[in-house]
Amino acid sequence: MPTRAECPAERRAESRSRASGRICLRSPDLAARVICGELRDVSPHGFRAAHDCPGLASGQIVWLEQDGAARRARVVWTRIAAGLVESGFCYLAA
């Protein structure tokens, strides 16, 4: 497998660790709809999750709710492939 340096499309500035667990996302842009998902990986400044909302777009602000805690995050990207929706998020200051 090629290294990160050998993959010009790789744009991550930080390494990520695999993660799992159920999450909920809330967005004022989506009329207070609760978006359910599954955590895929985390880094010190963000996370990736699979979820059920193809309408999440770059720049939208969400509240991540997990294990009784809430944290704000911004959607960086969303991709839909083979019926699976995934998004990458960066944490925002409280």
N, C-alpha and C. Protein backbone atom coordinates (compact mmCIF):
# COMPACT_ATOMS: atom_id res chain seq x y z
N MET A 1 0.85 -1.17 0.00
CA MET A 1 0.00 0.00 0.00
C MET A 1 0.89 1.23 0.00
N PRO A 2 0.56 2.26 -0.80
CA PRO A 2 1.39 3.47 -0.85
C PRO A 2 1.30 4.25 0.47
N THR A 3 2.36 4.95 0.76
CA THR A 3 2.38 5.79 1.96
C THR A 3 1.62 7.08 1.69
N ARG A 4 1.36 7.84 2.76
CA ARG A 4 0.66 9.12 2.63
C ARG A 4 1.41 10.05 1.68
N ALA A 5 2.74 10.09 1.77
CA ALA A 5 3.55 10.96 0.91
C ALA A 5 3.43 10.57 -0.56
N GLU A 6 3.15 9.29 -0.82
CA GLU A 6 3.05 8.82 -2.19
C GLU A 6 1.65 9.02 -2.78
N CYS A 7 0.70 9.48 -2.00
CA CYS A 7 -0.67 9.69 -2.45
C CYS A 7 -0.96 11.18 -2.52
N PRO A 8 -0.81 11.80 -3.67
CA PRO A 8 -1.05 13.24 -3.75
C PRO A 8 -2.47 13.64 -3.39
N ALA A 9 -3.46 12.73 -3.52
CA ALA A 9 -4.84 13.07 -3.19
C ALA A 9 -5.07 13.09 -1.69
N GLU A 10 -4.16 12.52 -0.92
CA GLU A 10 -4.29 12.51 0.54
C GLU A 10 -4.04 13.91 1.08
N ARG A 11 -5.05 14.50 1.71
CA ARG A 11 -4.93 15.87 2.19
C ARG A 11 -4.98 15.98 3.70
N ARG A 12 -5.03 14.88 4.40
CA ARG A 12 -5.10 14.94 5.86
C ARG A 12 -3.81 15.47 6.44
N ALA A 13 -3.95 16.41 7.35
CA ALA A 13 -2.79 16.97 8.04
C ALA A 13 -2.48 16.17 9.30
N GLU A 14 -3.44 15.39 9.78
CA GLU A 14 -3.28 14.62 11.00
C GLU A 14 -3.61 13.16 10.75
N SER A 15 -2.98 12.29 11.50
CA SER A 15 -3.34 10.88 11.38
C SER A 15 -4.65 10.67 12.13
N ARG A 16 -5.38 9.67 11.72
CA ARG A 16 -6.66 9.36 12.34
C ARG A 16 -6.61 7.98 12.95
N SER A 17 -7.43 7.78 13.95
CA SER A 17 -7.55 6.48 14.62
C SER A 17 -8.94 5.93 14.37
N ARG A 18 -9.01 4.63 14.15
CA ARG A 18 -10.32 4.01 13.98
C ARG A 18 -11.15 4.24 15.24
N ALA A 19 -12.43 4.41 15.03
CA ALA A 19 -13.35 4.62 16.15
C ALA A 19 -14.69 4.02 15.77
N SER A 20 -15.50 3.78 16.77
CA SER A 20 -16.85 3.29 16.51
C SER A 20 -17.76 3.82 17.60
N GLY A 21 -19.02 3.68 17.37
CA GLY A 21 -20.00 4.14 18.34
C GLY A 21 -21.08 4.93 17.66
N ARG A 22 -22.23 4.90 18.26
CA ARG A 22 -23.40 5.60 17.74
C ARG A 22 -23.28 7.09 18.07
N ILE A 23 -23.61 7.94 17.10
CA ILE A 23 -23.61 9.38 17.32
C ILE A 23 -24.92 9.97 16.82
N CYS A 24 -25.23 11.16 17.29
CA CYS A 24 -26.36 11.93 16.77
C CYS A 24 -25.82 13.30 16.40
N LEU A 25 -26.28 13.80 15.28
CA LEU A 25 -25.93 15.14 14.81
C LEU A 25 -27.20 15.96 14.71
N ARG A 26 -27.11 17.21 15.12
CA ARG A 26 -28.23 18.14 14.98
C ARG A 26 -27.73 19.36 14.23
N SER A 27 -28.55 19.87 13.33
CA SER A 27 -28.17 21.04 12.56
C SER A 27 -29.34 22.01 12.48
N PRO A 28 -29.12 23.28 12.83
CA PRO A 28 -30.19 24.26 12.68
C PRO A 28 -30.59 24.44 11.22
N ASP A 29 -29.68 24.12 10.29
CA ASP A 29 -29.98 24.23 8.86
C ASP A 29 -30.98 23.17 8.39
N LEU A 30 -31.15 22.12 9.18
CA LEU A 30 -32.01 21.02 8.77
C LEU A 30 -33.26 20.92 9.64
N ALA A 31 -33.77 22.06 10.09
CA ALA A 31 -35.02 22.15 10.85
C ALA A 31 -35.01 21.23 12.08
N ALA A 32 -33.90 21.24 12.79
CA ALA A 32 -33.75 20.50 14.05
C ALA A 32 -33.87 18.99 13.88
N ARG A 33 -33.70 18.50 12.69
CA ARG A 33 -33.72 17.06 12.45
C ARG A 33 -32.55 16.40 13.16
N VAL A 34 -32.76 15.25 13.75
CA VAL A 34 -31.68 14.48 14.35
C VAL A 34 -31.14 13.54 13.28
N ILE A 35 -29.85 13.59 13.06
CA ILE A 35 -29.19 12.73 12.07
C ILE A 35 -28.45 11.66 12.85
N CYS A 36 -28.81 10.42 12.62
CA CYS A 36 -28.17 9.31 13.32
C CYS A 36 -27.02 8.78 12.48
N GLY A 37 -25.97 8.35 13.17
CA GLY A 37 -24.82 7.85 12.43
C GLY A 37 -23.91 6.99 13.27
N GLU A 38 -22.83 6.59 12.65
CA GLU A 38 -21.83 5.71 13.25
C GLU A 38 -20.47 6.35 13.05
N LEU A 39 -19.76 6.52 14.13
CA LEU A 39 -18.41 7.07 14.08
C LEU A 39 -17.49 6.10 13.35
N ARG A 40 -16.62 6.60 12.48
CA ARG A 40 -15.69 5.75 11.72
C ARG A 40 -14.24 5.95 12.17
N ASP A 41 -13.82 7.22 12.31
CA ASP A 41 -12.48 7.50 12.81
C ASP A 41 -12.43 8.90 13.42
N VAL A 42 -11.38 9.14 14.19
CA VAL A 42 -11.22 10.42 14.89
C VAL A 42 -9.78 10.89 14.78
N SER A 43 -9.60 12.20 14.94
CA SER A 43 -8.28 12.82 15.05
C SER A 43 -8.41 13.88 16.14
N PRO A 44 -7.32 14.51 16.52
CA PRO A 44 -7.44 15.54 17.56
C PRO A 44 -8.37 16.70 17.18
N HIS A 45 -8.55 16.94 15.88
CA HIS A 45 -9.34 18.10 15.46
C HIS A 45 -10.57 17.77 14.65
N GLY A 46 -10.94 16.51 14.54
CA GLY A 46 -12.11 16.17 13.75
C GLY A 46 -12.47 14.70 13.80
N PHE A 47 -13.43 14.34 12.97
CA PHE A 47 -13.90 12.96 12.92
C PHE A 47 -14.57 12.69 11.58
N ARG A 48 -14.78 11.42 11.29
CA ARG A 48 -15.51 10.98 10.09
C ARG A 48 -16.64 10.09 10.58
N ALA A 49 -17.81 10.22 9.96
CA ALA A 49 -18.96 9.42 10.36
C ALA A 49 -19.79 9.02 9.15
N ALA A 50 -20.37 7.83 9.23
CA ALA A 50 -21.37 7.40 8.26
C ALA A 50 -22.72 7.79 8.87
N HIS A 51 -23.67 8.23 8.04
CA HIS A 51 -24.95 8.70 8.55
C HIS A 51 -26.03 8.58 7.50
N ASP A 52 -27.22 9.06 7.83
CA ASP A 52 -28.38 8.90 6.94
C ASP A 52 -28.87 10.20 6.32
N CYS A 53 -27.96 11.19 6.15
CA CYS A 53 -28.40 12.50 5.63
C CYS A 53 -27.53 12.95 4.45
N PRO A 54 -27.91 12.62 3.22
CA PRO A 54 -27.12 13.06 2.07
C PRO A 54 -27.15 14.57 1.86
N GLY A 55 -28.01 15.29 2.57
CA GLY A 55 -28.12 16.73 2.42
C GLY A 55 -27.10 17.54 3.20
N LEU A 56 -26.26 16.91 4.01
CA LEU A 56 -25.22 17.66 4.72
C LEU A 56 -24.22 18.20 3.71
N ALA A 57 -23.93 19.49 3.81
CA ALA A 57 -23.04 20.13 2.85
C ALA A 57 -21.87 20.80 3.55
N SER A 58 -20.78 20.96 2.84
CA SER A 58 -19.60 21.64 3.37
C SER A 58 -19.97 22.98 3.95
N GLY A 59 -19.43 23.27 5.12
CA GLY A 59 -19.67 24.54 5.77
C GLY A 59 -20.79 24.54 6.79
N GLN A 60 -21.69 23.57 6.73
CA GLN A 60 -22.78 23.52 7.69
C GLN A 60 -22.23 23.23 9.09
N ILE A 61 -22.87 23.83 10.09
CA ILE A 61 -22.50 23.62 11.48
C ILE A 61 -23.46 22.60 12.08
N VAL A 62 -22.92 21.64 12.81
CA VAL A 62 -23.73 20.63 13.49
C VAL A 62 -23.30 20.54 14.94
N TRP A 63 -24.17 19.96 15.74
CA TRP A 63 -23.84 19.59 17.11
C TRP A 63 -23.68 18.08 17.13
N LEU A 64 -22.53 17.61 17.54
CA LEU A 64 -22.26 16.18 17.71
C LEU A 64 -22.67 15.81 19.12
N GLU A 65 -23.54 14.83 19.25
CA GLU A 65 -23.94 14.33 20.56
C GLU A 65 -23.50 12.88 20.66
N GLN A 66 -22.67 12.62 21.68
CA GLN A 66 -22.14 11.27 21.86
C GLN A 66 -21.86 11.06 23.34
N ASP A 67 -22.33 9.95 23.86
CA ASP A 67 -22.09 9.58 25.25
C ASP A 67 -22.46 10.70 26.23
N GLY A 68 -23.57 11.38 25.98
CA GLY A 68 -24.05 12.41 26.88
C GLY A 68 -23.37 13.76 26.78
N ALA A 69 -22.42 13.90 25.86
CA ALA A 69 -21.73 15.18 25.68
C ALA A 69 -22.08 15.75 24.30
N ALA A 70 -22.02 17.08 24.17
CA ALA A 70 -22.29 17.74 22.89
C ALA A 70 -21.12 18.64 22.52
N ARG A 71 -20.81 18.66 21.24
CA ARG A 71 -19.70 19.48 20.74
C ARG A 71 -20.04 19.98 19.34
N ARG A 72 -19.69 21.23 19.05
CA ARG A 72 -19.95 21.80 17.71
C ARG A 72 -18.88 21.35 16.73
N ALA A 73 -19.32 21.17 15.48
CA ALA A 73 -18.40 20.79 14.41
C ALA A 73 -18.90 21.38 13.09
N ARG A 74 -17.99 21.50 12.14
CA ARG A 74 -18.32 21.98 10.80
C ARG A 74 -18.13 20.84 9.81
N VAL A 75 -19.08 20.70 8.88
CA VAL A 75 -18.95 19.69 7.82
C VAL A 75 -17.86 20.16 6.86
N VAL A 76 -16.88 19.30 6.61
CA VAL A 76 -15.80 19.61 5.67
C VAL A 76 -16.12 19.03 4.30
N TRP A 77 -16.62 17.81 4.28
CA TRP A 77 -16.97 17.16 3.01
C TRP A 77 -18.05 16.11 3.27
N THR A 78 -18.79 15.77 2.23
CA THR A 78 -19.75 14.66 2.25
C THR A 78 -19.60 13.91 0.95
N ARG A 79 -19.59 12.59 1.05
CA ARG A 79 -19.56 11.77 -0.17
C ARG A 79 -20.60 10.67 -0.04
N ILE A 80 -21.15 10.31 -1.19
CA ILE A 80 -22.15 9.26 -1.26
C ILE A 80 -21.63 8.24 -2.27
N ALA A 81 -21.45 7.01 -1.81
CA ALA A 81 -20.95 5.96 -2.69
C ALA A 81 -21.62 4.65 -2.31
N ALA A 82 -22.18 3.98 -3.29
CA ALA A 82 -22.83 2.68 -3.09
C ALA A 82 -23.88 2.76 -1.98
N GLY A 83 -24.62 3.87 -1.93
CA GLY A 83 -25.69 4.00 -0.96
C GLY A 83 -25.24 4.38 0.44
N LEU A 84 -23.94 4.54 0.67
CA LEU A 84 -23.42 4.92 1.98
C LEU A 84 -23.08 6.41 1.96
N VAL A 85 -23.55 7.13 2.97
CA VAL A 85 -23.25 8.56 3.10
C VAL A 85 -22.22 8.72 4.22
N GLU A 86 -21.11 9.38 3.93
CA GLU A 86 -20.09 9.67 4.91
C GLU A 86 -19.74 11.15 4.84
N SER A 87 -19.38 11.71 5.99
CA SER A 87 -18.93 13.09 6.04
C SER A 87 -17.72 13.20 6.95
N GLY A 88 -16.88 14.17 6.64
CA GLY A 88 -15.76 14.51 7.50
C GLY A 88 -16.07 15.84 8.19
N PHE A 89 -15.71 15.95 9.44
CA PHE A 89 -16.04 17.11 10.26
C PHE A 89 -14.80 17.63 10.97
N CYS A 90 -14.75 18.94 11.22
CA CYS A 90 -13.71 19.50 12.09
C CYS A 90 -14.42 20.11 13.29
N TYR A 91 -13.82 19.89 14.46
CA TYR A 91 -14.39 20.44 15.70
C TYR A 91 -14.25 21.96 15.71
N LEU A 92 -15.21 22.64 16.32
CA LEU A 92 -15.18 24.08 16.49
C LEU A 92 -15.02 24.39 17.98
N ALA A 93 -14.44 25.53 18.26
CA ALA A 93 -14.29 25.96 19.66
C ALA A 93 -15.69 26.12 20.27
N ALA A 94 -15.77 25.86 21.55
CA ALA A 94 -17.07 25.91 22.25
C ALA A 94 -17.69 27.26 22.28
